[in-house]
Amino acid sequence: MRKRRDTRRLERDVAGDGYDDRDLVSADALGAPIPPNRQTEWFAKHREAAGIPTGTLHVLRHSAATLALTSGVPVHIVAARLGDRPEQILSTYAHLLPRSDELAAERVAAMLA
């Protein structure tokens, strides 16, 4: 991510007023969004080169959400990082949080003890 950030900064400096800074992680040399099909092709090429037989960018999104939620990252934070509303995250990932209520009760009880 740091390398991508540094590349964006260099591209912005070189392009000057021609750079349309939209604060994107993945952007072309002038700051515009990279078309999804180009990102999919890029990902497939690198996935195959790494010897990973299957998977998509969308699978990585789900993996990131799953790992964050199951490690205790609050739903609203996961939603913000994924660019979604908390309600959308809950409707998709609620099955991962069956202990949430129990865990909350345990933590409150521990603070009161």
PDB file of N, CA and C in Angstrom:
ATOM      1  N   MET A   1       0.822  -1.184   0.000  1.00  0.00           N
ATOM      2  CA  MET A   1       0.000   0.000   0.000  1.00  0.00           C
ATOM      3  C   MET A   1       0.874   1.259   0.000  1.00  0.00           C
ATOM      4  N   ARG A   2       1.964   1.190   0.722  1.00  0.00           N
ATOM      5  CA  ARG A   2       2.854   2.364   0.728  1.00  0.00           C
ATOM      6  C   ARG A   2       3.418   2.618  -0.667  1.00  0.00           C
ATOM      7  N   LYS A   3       3.778   1.526  -1.352  1.00  0.00           N
ATOM      8  CA  LYS A   3       4.315   1.674  -2.701  1.00  0.00           C
ATOM      9  C   LYS A   3       3.268   2.298  -3.620  1.00  0.00           C
ATOM     10  N   ARG A   4       2.011   1.849  -3.513  1.00  0.00           N
ATOM     11  CA  ARG A   4       0.953   2.419  -4.346  1.00  0.00           C
ATOM     12  C   ARG A   4       0.750   3.894  -4.001  1.00  0.00           C
ATOM     13  N   ARG A   5       0.785   4.212  -2.713  1.00  0.00           N
ATOM     14  CA  ARG A   5       0.637   5.613  -2.296  1.00  0.00           C
ATOM     15  C   ARG A   5       1.750   6.474  -2.878  1.00  0.00           C
ATOM     16  N   ASP A   6       2.976   5.961  -2.783  1.00  0.00           N
ATOM     17  CA  ASP A   6       4.107   6.718  -3.304  1.00  0.00           C
ATOM     18  C   ASP A   6       4.014   6.884  -4.824  1.00  0.00           C
ATOM     19  N   THR A   7       3.543   5.844  -5.496  1.00  0.00           N
ATOM     20  CA  THR A   7       3.360   5.933  -6.948  1.00  0.00           C
ATOM     21  C   THR A   7       2.300   6.976  -7.277  1.00  0.00           C
ATOM     22  N   ARG A   8       1.187   6.980  -6.536  1.00  0.00           N
ATOM     23  CA  ARG A   8       0.129   7.978  -6.762  1.00  0.00           C
ATOM     24  C   ARG A   8       0.681   9.387  -6.580  1.00  0.00           C
ATOM     25  N   ARG A   9       1.472   9.573  -5.544  1.00  0.00           N
ATOM     26  CA  ARG A   9       2.035  10.905  -5.289  1.00  0.00           C
ATOM     27  C   ARG A   9       2.944  11.352  -6.435  1.00  0.00           C
ATOM     28  N   LEU A  10       3.769  10.441  -6.910  1.00  0.00           N
ATOM     29  CA  LEU A  10       4.664  10.771  -8.023  1.00  0.00           C
ATOM     30  C   LEU A  10       3.853  11.102  -9.276  1.00  0.00           C
ATOM     31  N   GLU A  11       2.848  10.290  -9.575  1.00  0.00           N
ATOM     32  CA  GLU A  11       2.006  10.544 -10.744  1.00  0.00           C
ATOM     33  C   GLU A  11       1.296  11.895 -10.625  1.00  0.00           C
ATOM     34  N   ARG A  12       0.823  12.192  -9.429  1.00  0.00           N
ATOM     35  CA  ARG A  12       0.157  13.483  -9.197  1.00  0.00           C
ATOM     36  C   ARG A  12       1.123  14.636  -9.427  1.00  0.00           C
ATOM     37  N   ASP A  13       2.344  14.500  -8.922  1.00  0.00           N
ATOM     38  CA  ASP A  13       3.338  15.561  -9.094  1.00  0.00           C
ATOM     39  C   ASP A  13       3.705  15.754 -10.564  1.00  0.00           C
ATOM     40  N   VAL A  14       3.865  14.663 -11.289  1.00  0.00           N
ATOM     41  CA  VAL A  14       4.245  14.746 -12.700  1.00  0.00           C
ATOM     42  C   VAL A  14       3.103  15.319 -13.532  1.00  0.00           C
ATOM     43  N   ALA A  15       1.870  14.889 -13.256  1.00  0.00           N
ATOM     44  CA  ALA A  15       0.721  15.329 -14.055  1.00  0.00           C
ATOM     45  C   ALA A  15       0.287  16.747 -13.721  1.00  0.00           C
ATOM     46  N   GLY A  16       0.625  17.220 -12.545  1.00  0.00           N
ATOM     47  CA  GLY A  16       0.240  18.579 -12.151  1.00  0.00           C
ATOM     48  C   GLY A  16      -1.263  18.788 -12.188  1.00  0.00           C
ATOM     49  N   ASP A  17      -1.701  19.855 -12.880  1.00  0.00           N
ATOM     50  CA  ASP A  17      -3.129  20.169 -12.948  1.00  0.00           C
ATOM     51  C   ASP A  17      -3.932  19.122 -13.709  1.00  0.00           C
ATOM     52  N   GLY A  18      -3.261  18.274 -14.483  1.00  0.00           N
ATOM     53  CA  GLY A  18      -3.959  17.228 -15.234  1.00  0.00           C
ATOM     54  C   GLY A  18      -4.368  16.046 -14.386  1.00  0.00           C
ATOM     55  N   TYR A  19      -3.902  16.020 -13.125  1.00  0.00           N
ATOM     56  CA  TYR A  19      -4.223  14.895 -12.242  1.00  0.00           C
ATOM     57  C   TYR A  19      -5.541  15.171 -11.525  1.00  0.00           C
ATOM     58  N   ASP A  20      -6.464  14.239 -11.607  1.00  0.00           N
ATOM     59  CA  ASP A  20      -7.771  14.347 -10.967  1.00  0.00           C
ATOM     60  C   ASP A  20      -7.738  13.516  -9.684  1.00  0.00           C
ATOM     61  N   ASP A  21      -7.325  14.133  -8.594  1.00  0.00           N
ATOM     62  CA  ASP A  21      -7.141  13.412  -7.330  1.00  0.00           C
ATOM     63  C   ASP A  21      -8.484  13.084  -6.690  1.00  0.00           C
ATOM     64  N   ARG A  22      -8.843  11.805  -6.736  1.00  0.00           N
ATOM     65  CA  ARG A  22     -10.094  11.333  -6.138  1.00  0.00           C
ATOM     66  C   ARG A  22      -9.825  10.494  -4.889  1.00  0.00           C
ATOM     67  N   ASP A  23      -8.569  10.505  -4.431  1.00  0.00           N
ATOM     68  CA  ASP A  23      -8.177   9.767  -3.227  1.00  0.00           C
ATOM     69  C   ASP A  23      -8.455   8.269  -3.375  1.00  0.00           C
ATOM     70  N   LEU A  24      -8.116   7.721  -4.539  1.00  0.00           N
ATOM     71  CA  LEU A  24      -8.328   6.305  -4.810  1.00  0.00           C
ATOM     72  C   LEU A  24      -7.053   5.510  -4.541  1.00  0.00           C
ATOM     73  N   VAL A  25      -7.208   4.283  -4.098  1.00  0.00           N
ATOM     74  CA  VAL A  25      -6.061   3.394  -3.928  1.00  0.00           C
ATOM     75  C   VAL A  25      -5.579   2.934  -5.291  1.00  0.00           C
ATOM     76  N   SER A  26      -6.516   2.527  -6.132  1.00  0.00           N
ATOM     77  CA  SER A  26      -6.184   2.080  -7.483  1.00  0.00           C
ATOM     78  C   SER A  26      -6.675   3.113  -8.477  1.00  0.00           C
ATOM     79  N   ALA A  27      -5.750   3.806  -9.084  1.00  0.00           N
ATOM     80  CA  ALA A  27      -6.088   4.834 -10.065  1.00  0.00           C
ATOM     81  C   ALA A  27      -5.084   4.758 -11.199  1.00  0.00           C
ATOM     82  N   ASP A  28      -5.485   5.309 -12.352  1.00  0.00           N
ATOM     83  CA  ASP A  28      -4.532   5.359 -13.455  1.00  0.00           C
ATOM     84  C   ASP A  28      -3.584   6.531 -13.223  1.00  0.00           C
ATOM     85  N   ALA A  29      -2.712   6.768 -14.183  1.00  0.00           N
ATOM     86  CA  ALA A  29      -1.666   7.785 -14.014  1.00  0.00           C
ATOM     87  C   ALA A  29      -2.205   9.204 -13.882  1.00  0.00           C
ATOM     88  N   LEU A  30      -3.491   9.405 -14.220  1.00  0.00           N
ATOM     89  CA  LEU A  30      -4.091  10.739 -14.094  1.00  0.00           C
ATOM     90  C   LEU A  30      -5.130  10.799 -12.982  1.00  0.00           C
ATOM     91  N   GLY A  31      -5.194   9.747 -12.147  1.00  0.00           N
ATOM     92  CA  GLY A  31      -6.094   9.751 -11.001  1.00  0.00           C
ATOM     93  C   GLY A  31      -7.462   9.163 -11.232  1.00  0.00           C
ATOM     94  N   ALA A  32      -7.772   8.759 -12.459  1.00  0.00           N
ATOM     95  CA  ALA A  32      -9.094   8.201 -12.749  1.00  0.00           C
ATOM     96  C   ALA A  32      -9.172   6.751 -12.272  1.00  0.00           C
ATOM     97  N   PRO A  33     -10.374   6.281 -11.946  1.00  0.00           N
ATOM     98  CA  PRO A  33     -10.530   4.885 -11.521  1.00  0.00           C
ATOM     99  C   PRO A  33     -10.085   3.919 -12.633  1.00  0.00           C
ATOM    100  N   ILE A  34      -9.501   2.809 -12.224  1.00  0.00           N
ATOM    101  CA  ILE A  34      -9.127   1.771 -13.184  1.00  0.00           C
ATOM    102  C   ILE A  34     -10.365   0.920 -13.446  1.00  0.00           C
ATOM    103  N   PRO A  35     -10.697   0.682 -14.710  1.00  0.00           N
ATOM    104  CA  PRO A  35     -11.884  -0.121 -15.019  1.00  0.00           C
ATOM    105  C   PRO A  35     -11.822  -1.493 -14.342  1.00  0.00           C
ATOM    106  N   PRO A  36     -12.944  -1.981 -13.824  1.00  0.00           N
ATOM    107  CA  PRO A  36     -12.954  -3.263 -13.109  1.00  0.00           C
ATOM    108  C   PRO A  36     -12.364  -4.426 -13.912  1.00  0.00           C
ATOM    109  N   ASN A  37     -12.623  -4.471 -15.215  1.00  0.00           N
ATOM    110  CA  ASN A  37     -12.099  -5.598 -15.994  1.00  0.00           C
ATOM    111  C   ASN A  37     -10.569  -5.580 -16.043  1.00  0.00           C
ATOM    112  N   ARG A  38      -9.954  -4.387 -16.052  1.00  0.00           N
ATOM    113  CA  ARG A  38      -8.488  -4.307 -16.022  1.00  0.00           C
ATOM    114  C   ARG A  38      -7.941  -4.768 -14.680  1.00  0.00           C
ATOM    115  N   GLN A  39      -8.627  -4.412 -13.595  1.00  0.00           N
ATOM    116  CA  GLN A  39      -8.182  -4.855 -12.275  1.00  0.00           C
ATOM    117  C   GLN A  39      -8.330  -6.362 -12.148  1.00  0.00           C
ATOM    118  N   THR A  40      -9.418  -6.909 -12.699  1.00  0.00           N
ATOM    119  CA  THR A  40      -9.638  -8.354 -12.649  1.00  0.00           C
ATOM    120  C   THR A  40      -8.544  -9.080 -13.425  1.00  0.00           C
ATOM    121  N   GLU A  41      -8.203  -8.571 -14.601  1.00  0.00           N
ATOM    122  CA  GLU A  41      -7.138  -9.188 -15.404  1.00  0.00           C
ATOM    123  C   GLU A  41      -5.799  -9.120 -14.665  1.00  0.00           C
ATOM    124  N   TRP A  42      -5.489  -7.963 -14.085  1.00  0.00           N
ATOM    125  CA  TRP A  42      -4.247  -7.791 -13.336  1.00  0.00           C
ATOM    126  C   TRP A  42      -4.185  -8.778 -12.172  1.00  0.00           C
ATOM    127  N   PHE A  43      -5.301  -8.874 -11.433  1.00  0.00           N
ATOM    128  CA  PHE A  43      -5.332  -9.769 -10.280  1.00  0.00           C
ATOM    129  C   PHE A  43      -5.147 -11.218 -10.719  1.00  0.00           C
ATOM    130  N   ALA A  44      -5.840 -11.642 -11.772  1.00  0.00           N
ATOM    131  CA  ALA A  44      -5.731 -13.022 -12.247  1.00  0.00           C
ATOM    132  C   ALA A  44      -4.298 -13.355 -12.639  1.00  0.00           C
ATOM    133  N   LYS A  45      -3.642 -12.429 -13.321  1.00  0.00           N
ATOM    134  CA  LYS A  45      -2.250 -12.636 -13.735  1.00  0.00           C
ATOM    135  C   LYS A  45      -1.350 -12.838 -12.509  1.00  0.00           C
ATOM    136  N   HIS A  46      -1.498 -11.992 -11.512  1.00  0.00           N
ATOM    137  CA  HIS A  46      -0.652 -12.085 -10.318  1.00  0.00           C
ATOM    138  C   HIS A  46      -1.033 -13.279  -9.441  1.00  0.00           C
ATOM    139  N   ARG A  47      -2.306 -13.607  -9.396  1.00  0.00           N
ATOM    140  CA  ARG A  47      -2.749 -14.783  -8.635  1.00  0.00           C
ATOM    141  C   ARG A  47      -2.134 -16.040  -9.229  1.00  0.00           C
ATOM    142  N   GLU A  48      -2.209 -16.165 -10.548  1.00  0.00           N
ATOM    143  CA  GLU A  48      -1.645 -17.332 -11.219  1.00  0.00           C
ATOM    144  C   GLU A  48      -0.130 -17.391 -11.039  1.00  0.00           C
ATOM    145  N   ALA A  49       0.533 -16.246 -11.147  1.00  0.00           N
ATOM    146  CA  ALA A  49       1.990 -16.197 -10.969  1.00  0.00           C
ATOM    147  C   ALA A  49       2.389 -16.625  -9.562  1.00  0.00           C
ATOM    148  N   ALA A  50       1.513 -16.371  -8.601  1.00  0.00           N
ATOM    149  CA  ALA A  50       1.794 -16.754  -7.214  1.00  0.00           C
ATOM    150  C   ALA A  50       1.442 -18.214  -6.938  1.00  0.00           C
ATOM    151  N   GLY A  51       0.868 -18.887  -7.957  1.00  0.00           N
ATOM    152  CA  GLY A  51       0.520 -20.300  -7.789  1.00  0.00           C
ATOM    153  C   GLY A  51      -0.782 -20.531  -7.054  1.00  0.00           C
ATOM    154  N   ILE A  52      -1.622 -19.507  -6.980  1.00  0.00           N
ATOM    155  CA  ILE A  52      -2.923 -19.649  -6.322  1.00  0.00           C
ATOM    156  C   ILE A  52      -3.915 -20.031  -7.417  1.00  0.00           C
ATOM    157  N   PRO A  53      -4.519 -21.228  -7.306  1.00  0.00           N
ATOM    158  CA  PRO A  53      -5.316 -21.744  -8.418  1.00  0.00           C
ATOM    159  C   PRO A  53      -6.619 -20.999  -8.706  1.00  0.00           C
ATOM    160  N   THR A  54      -7.290 -20.501  -7.699  1.00  0.00           N
ATOM    161  CA  THR A  54      -8.572 -19.819  -7.923  1.00  0.00           C
ATOM    162  C   THR A  54      -8.694 -18.613  -7.017  1.00  0.00           C
ATOM    163  N   GLY A  55      -9.693 -17.789  -7.305  1.00  0.00           N
ATOM    164  CA  GLY A  55      -9.976 -16.639  -6.459  1.00  0.00           C
ATOM    165  C   GLY A  55     -10.143 -15.376  -7.285  1.00  0.00           C
ATOM    166  N   THR A  56     -10.890 -14.457  -6.719  1.00  0.00           N
ATOM    167  CA  THR A  56     -11.160 -13.185  -7.375  1.00  0.00           C
ATOM    168  C   THR A  56     -10.895 -12.054  -6.395  1.00  0.00           C
ATOM    169  N   LEU A  57     -10.896 -10.840  -6.910  1.00  0.00           N
ATOM    170  CA  LEU A  57     -10.776  -9.681  -6.027  1.00  0.00           C
ATOM    171  C   LEU A  57     -11.922  -9.653  -5.034  1.00  0.00           C
ATOM    172  N   HIS A  58     -13.110 -10.054  -5.478  1.00  0.00           N
ATOM    173  CA  HIS A  58     -14.267 -10.038  -4.585  1.00  0.00           C
ATOM    174  C   HIS A  58     -14.087 -11.025  -3.430  1.00  0.00           C
ATOM    175  N   VAL A  59     -13.440 -12.150  -3.694  1.00  0.00           N
ATOM    176  CA  VAL A  59     -13.150 -13.110  -2.625  1.00  0.00           C
ATOM    177  C   VAL A  59     -12.228 -12.470  -1.587  1.00  0.00           C
ATOM    178  N   LEU A  60     -11.264 -11.659  -2.062  1.00  0.00           N
ATOM    179  CA  LEU A  60     -10.386 -10.969  -1.116  1.00  0.00           C
ATOM    180  C   LEU A  60     -11.170 -10.005  -0.237  1.00  0.00           C
ATOM    181  N   ARG A  61     -12.159  -9.350  -0.825  1.00  0.00           N
ATOM    182  CA  ARG A  61     -13.018  -8.430  -0.057  1.00  0.00           C
ATOM    183  C   ARG A  61     -13.738  -9.196   1.047  1.00  0.00           C
ATOM    184  N   HIS A  62     -14.335 -10.331   0.677  1.00  0.00           N
ATOM    185  CA  HIS A  62     -15.028 -11.146   1.672  1.00  0.00           C
ATOM    186  C   HIS A  62     -14.059 -11.674   2.733  1.00  0.00           C
ATOM    187  N   SER A  63     -12.883 -12.067   2.292  1.00  0.00           N
ATOM    188  CA  SER A  63     -11.882 -12.563   3.246  1.00  0.00           C
ATOM    189  C   SER A  63     -11.487 -11.477   4.235  1.00  0.00           C
ATOM    190  N   ALA A  64     -11.260 -10.265   3.729  1.00  0.00           N
ATOM    191  CA  ALA A  64     -10.886  -9.157   4.608  1.00  0.00           C
ATOM    192  C   ALA A  64     -11.987  -8.874   5.621  1.00  0.00           C
ATOM    193  N   ALA A  65     -13.231  -8.850   5.157  1.00  0.00           N
ATOM    194  CA  ALA A  65     -14.354  -8.595   6.064  1.00  0.00           C
ATOM    195  C   ALA A  65     -14.464  -9.702   7.104  1.00  0.00           C
ATOM    196  N   THR A  66     -14.356 -10.940   6.669  1.00  0.00           N
ATOM    197  CA  THR A  66     -14.465 -12.083   7.580  1.00  0.00           C
ATOM    198  C   THR A  66     -13.373 -12.047   8.638  1.00  0.00           C
ATOM    199  N   LEU A  67     -12.135 -11.839   8.206  1.00  0.00           N
ATOM    200  CA  LEU A  67     -11.019 -11.795   9.157  1.00  0.00           C
ATOM    201  C   LEU A  67     -11.183 -10.654  10.150  1.00  0.00           C
ATOM    202  N   ALA A  68     -11.589  -9.495   9.661  1.00  0.00           N
ATOM    203  CA  ALA A  68     -11.754  -8.343  10.553  1.00  0.00           C
ATOM    204  C   ALA A  68     -12.854  -8.601  11.576  1.00  0.00           C
ATOM    205  N   LEU A  69     -14.008  -9.052  11.102  1.00  0.00           N
ATOM    206  CA  LEU A  69     -15.142  -9.256  12.010  1.00  0.00           C
ATOM    207  C   LEU A  69     -14.870 -10.358  13.030  1.00  0.00           C
ATOM    208  N   THR A  70     -14.267 -11.460  12.594  1.00  0.00           N
ATOM    209  CA  THR A  70     -14.017 -12.558  13.525  1.00  0.00           C
ATOM    210  C   THR A  70     -12.874 -12.264  14.480  1.00  0.00           C
ATOM    211  N   SER A  71     -12.099 -11.208  14.203  1.00  0.00           N
ATOM    212  CA  SER A  71     -11.041 -10.830  15.149  1.00  0.00           C
ATOM    213  C   SER A  71     -11.474  -9.671  16.046  1.00  0.00           C
ATOM    214  N   GLY A  72     -12.748  -9.280  15.939  1.00  0.00           N
ATOM    215  CA  GLY A  72     -13.285  -8.293  16.858  1.00  0.00           C
ATOM    216  C   GLY A  72     -13.326  -6.860  16.374  1.00  0.00           C
ATOM    217  N   VAL A  73     -13.017  -6.613  15.118  1.00  0.00           N
ATOM    218  CA  VAL A  73     -13.110  -5.247  14.601  1.00  0.00           C
ATOM    219  C   VAL A  73     -14.594  -4.868  14.543  1.00  0.00           C
ATOM    220  N   PRO A  74     -14.976  -3.727  15.088  1.00  0.00           N
ATOM    221  CA  PRO A  74     -16.391  -3.337  15.094  1.00  0.00           C
ATOM    222  C   PRO A  74     -16.985  -3.237  13.688  1.00  0.00           C
ATOM    223  N   VAL A  75     -18.258  -3.595  13.599  1.00  0.00           N
ATOM    224  CA  VAL A  75     -18.953  -3.621  12.314  1.00  0.00           C
ATOM    225  C   VAL A  75     -18.857  -2.278  11.597  1.00  0.00           C
ATOM    226  N   HIS A  76     -19.025  -1.179  12.326  1.00  0.00           N
ATOM    227  CA  HIS A  76     -19.006   0.124  11.649  1.00  0.00           C
ATOM    228  C   HIS A  76     -17.633   0.436  11.055  1.00  0.00           C
ATOM    229  N   ILE A  77     -16.570  -0.081  11.660  1.00  0.00           N
ATOM    230  CA  ILE A  77     -15.226   0.127  11.133  1.00  0.00           C
ATOM    231  C   ILE A  77     -15.027  -0.719   9.869  1.00  0.00           C
ATOM    232  N   VAL A  78     -15.461  -1.971   9.918  1.00  0.00           N
ATOM    233  CA  VAL A  78     -15.364  -2.840   8.735  1.00  0.00           C
ATOM    234  C   VAL A  78     -16.153  -2.217   7.590  1.00  0.00           C
ATOM    235  N   ALA A  79     -17.345  -1.730   7.882  1.00  0.00           N
ATOM    236  CA  ALA A  79     -18.185  -1.103   6.856  1.00  0.00           C
ATOM    237  C   ALA A  79     -17.467   0.092   6.228  1.00  0.00           C
ATOM    238  N   ALA A  80     -16.882   0.930   7.052  1.00  0.00           N
ATOM    239  CA  ALA A  80     -16.194   2.114   6.538  1.00  0.00           C
ATOM    240  C   ALA A  80     -15.019   1.713   5.650  1.00  0.00           C
ATOM    241  N   ARG A  81     -14.268   0.710   6.071  1.00  0.00           N
ATOM    242  CA  ARG A  81     -13.108   0.279   5.289  1.00  0.00           C
ATOM    243  C   ARG A  81     -13.520  -0.313   3.949  1.00  0.00           C
ATOM    244  N   LEU A  82     -14.685  -0.952   3.903  1.00  0.00           N
ATOM    245  CA  LEU A  82     -15.157  -1.560   2.660  1.00  0.00           C
ATOM    246  C   LEU A  82     -16.024  -0.619   1.838  1.00  0.00           C
ATOM    247  N   GLY A  83     -16.330   0.546   2.382  1.00  0.00           N
ATOM    248  CA  GLY A  83     -17.163   1.494   1.654  1.00  0.00           C
ATOM    249  C   GLY A  83     -18.627   1.108   1.644  1.00  0.00           C
ATOM    250  N   ASP A  84     -19.064   0.426   2.690  1.00  0.00           N
ATOM    251  CA  ASP A  84     -20.460  -0.002   2.817  1.00  0.00           C
ATOM    252  C   ASP A  84     -21.087   0.600   4.059  1.00  0.00           C
ATOM    253  N   ARG A  85     -22.375   0.411   4.173  1.00  0.00           N
ATOM    254  CA  ARG A  85     -23.093   0.799   5.385  1.00  0.00           C
ATOM    255  C   ARG A  85     -23.040  -0.362   6.372  1.00  0.00           C
ATOM    256  N   PRO A  86     -23.034  -0.108   7.672  1.00  0.00           N
ATOM    257  CA  PRO A  86     -23.027  -1.200   8.655  1.00  0.00           C
ATOM    258  C   PRO A  86     -24.174  -2.188   8.446  1.00  0.00           C
ATOM    259  N   GLU A  87     -25.336  -1.688   8.023  1.00  0.00           N
ATOM    260  CA  GLU A  87     -26.480  -2.577   7.798  1.00  0.00           C
ATOM    261  C   GLU A  87     -26.171  -3.599   6.705  1.00  0.00           C
ATOM    262  N   GLN A  88     -25.453  -3.173   5.681  1.00  0.00           N
ATOM    263  CA  GLN A  88     -25.095  -4.082   4.586  1.00  0.00           C
ATOM    264  C   GLN A  88     -24.111  -5.139   5.078  1.00  0.00           C
ATOM    265  N   ILE A  89     -23.154  -4.717   5.877  1.00  0.00           N
ATOM    266  CA  ILE A  89     -22.178  -5.658   6.430  1.00  0.00           C
ATOM    267  C   ILE A  89     -22.895  -6.672   7.308  1.00  0.00           C
ATOM    268  N   LEU A  90     -23.796  -6.200   8.161  1.00  0.00           N
ATOM    269  CA  LEU A  90     -24.529  -7.131   9.029  1.00  0.00           C
ATOM    270  C   LEU A  90     -25.390  -8.096   8.231  1.00  0.00           C
ATOM    271  N   SER A  91     -26.031  -7.613   7.182  1.00  0.00           N
ATOM    272  CA  SER A  91     -26.895  -8.519   6.415  1.00  0.00           C
ATOM    273  C   SER A  91     -26.084  -9.589   5.698  1.00  0.00           C
ATOM    274  N   THR A  92     -24.824  -9.305   5.405  1.00  0.00           N
ATOM    275  CA  THR A  92     -23.978 -10.278   4.713  1.00  0.00           C
ATOM    276  C   THR A  92     -23.197 -11.166   5.675  1.00  0.00           C
ATOM    277  N   TYR A  93     -22.760 -10.611   6.796  1.00  0.00           N
ATOM    278  CA  TYR A  93     -21.819 -11.321   7.668  1.00  0.00           C
ATOM    279  C   TYR A  93     -22.339 -11.621   9.068  1.00  0.00           C
ATOM    280  N   ALA A  94     -23.611 -11.411   9.332  1.00  0.00           N
ATOM    281  CA  ALA A  94     -24.139 -11.624  10.686  1.00  0.00           C
ATOM    282  C   ALA A  94     -23.878 -13.040  11.189  1.00  0.00           C
ATOM    283  N   HIS A  95     -23.871 -14.011  10.292  1.00  0.00           N
ATOM    284  CA  HIS A  95     -23.631 -15.400  10.703  1.00  0.00           C
ATOM    285  C   HIS A  95     -22.252 -15.597  11.330  1.00  0.00           C
ATOM    286  N   LEU A  96     -21.346 -14.675  11.103  1.00  0.00           N
ATOM    287  CA  LEU A  96     -20.009 -14.765  11.680  1.00  0.00           C
ATOM    288  C   LEU A  96     -19.956 -14.249  13.114  1.00  0.00           C
ATOM    289  N   LEU A  97     -21.035 -13.623  13.555  1.00  0.00           N
ATOM    290  CA  LEU A  97     -21.025 -12.946  14.847  1.00  0.00           C
ATOM    291  C   LEU A  97     -21.967 -13.570  15.874  1.00  0.00           C
ATOM    292  N   PRO A  98     -22.098 -14.899  15.911  1.00  0.00           N
ATOM    293  CA  PRO A  98     -23.066 -15.480  16.846  1.00  0.00           C
ATOM    294  C   PRO A  98     -22.716 -15.266  18.308  1.00  0.00           C
ATOM    295  N   ARG A  99     -21.452 -15.025  18.607  1.00  0.00           N
ATOM    296  CA  ARG A  99     -21.041 -14.816  20.000  1.00  0.00           C
ATOM    297  C   ARG A  99     -21.012 -13.348  20.386  1.00  0.00           C
ATOM    298  N   SER A 100     -21.372 -12.463  19.504  1.00  0.00           N
ATOM    299  CA  SER A 100     -21.263 -11.037  19.794  1.00  0.00           C
ATOM    300  C   SER A 100     -22.023 -10.627  21.033  1.00  0.00           C
ATOM    301  N   ASP A 101     -23.258 -11.084  21.166  1.00  0.00           N
ATOM    302  CA  ASP A 101     -24.067 -10.708  22.321  1.00  0.00           C
ATOM    303  C   ASP A 101     -23.475 -11.295  23.598  1.00  0.00           C
ATOM    304  N   GLU A 102     -23.073 -12.550  23.536  1.00  0.00           N
ATOM    305  CA  GLU A 102     -22.462 -13.205  24.690  1.00  0.00           C
ATOM    306  C   GLU A 102     -21.161 -12.509  25.081  1.00  0.00           C
ATOM    307  N   LEU A 103     -20.352 -12.165  24.105  1.00  0.00           N
ATOM    308  CA  LEU A 103     -19.088 -11.486  24.366  1.00  0.00           C
ATOM    309  C   LEU A 103     -19.317 -10.115  24.995  1.00  0.00           C
ATOM    310  N   ALA A 104     -20.289  -9.378  24.492  1.00  0.00           N
ATOM    311  CA  ALA A 104     -20.609  -8.067  25.061  1.00  0.00           C
ATOM    312  C   ALA A 104     -21.028  -8.207  26.519  1.00  0.00           C
ATOM    313  N   ALA A 105     -21.866  -9.187  26.820  1.00  0.00           N
ATOM    314  CA  ALA A 105     -22.313  -9.403  28.193  1.00  0.00           C
ATOM    315  C   ALA A 105     -21.139  -9.748  29.102  1.00  0.00           C
ATOM    316  N   GLU A 106     -20.236 -10.586  28.608  1.00  0.00           N
ATOM    317  CA  GLU A 106     -19.059 -10.978  29.392  1.00  0.00           C
ATOM    318  C   GLU A 106     -18.165  -9.764  29.701  1.00  0.00           C
ATOM    319  N   ARG A 107     -17.963  -8.929  28.718  1.00  0.00           N
ATOM    320  CA  ARG A 107     -17.087  -7.763  28.903  1.00  0.00           C
ATOM    321  C   ARG A 107     -17.691  -6.750  29.864  1.00  0.00           C
ATOM    322  N   VAL A 108     -18.982  -6.509  29.758  1.00  0.00           N
ATOM    323  CA  VAL A 108     -19.653  -5.581  30.678  1.00  0.00           C
ATOM    324  C   VAL A 108     -19.627  -6.155  32.086  1.00  0.00           C
ATOM    325  N   ALA A 109     -19.893  -7.448  32.214  1.00  0.00           N
ATOM    326  CA  ALA A 109     -19.866  -8.102  33.533  1.00  0.00           C
ATOM    327  C   ALA A 109     -18.468  -8.008  34.156  1.00  0.00           C
ATOM    328  N   ALA A 110     -17.445  -8.185  33.334  1.00  0.00           N
ATOM    329  CA  ALA A 110     -16.057  -8.117  33.843  1.00  0.00           C
ATOM    330  C   ALA A 110     -15.729  -6.714  34.333  1.00  0.00           C
ATOM    331  N   MET A 111     -16.248  -5.697  33.653  1.00  0.00           N
ATOM    332  CA  MET A 111     -15.983  -4.323  34.082  1.00  0.00           C
ATOM    333  C   MET A 111     -16.701  -4.002  35.388  1.00  0.00           C
ATOM    334  N   LEU A 112     -17.844  -4.619  35.598  1.00  0.00           N
ATOM    335  CA  LEU A 112     -18.628  -4.344  36.801  1.00  0.00           C
ATOM    336  C   LEU A 112     -18.147  -5.167  38.003  1.00  0.00           C
ATOM    337  N   ALA A 113     -17.360  -6.188  37.744  1.00  0.00           N
ATOM    338  CA  ALA A 113     -16.921  -7.081  38.833  1.00  0.00           C
ATOM    339  C   ALA A 113     -15.858  -6.432  39.681  1.00  0.00           C
TER     340      ALA A 113
END
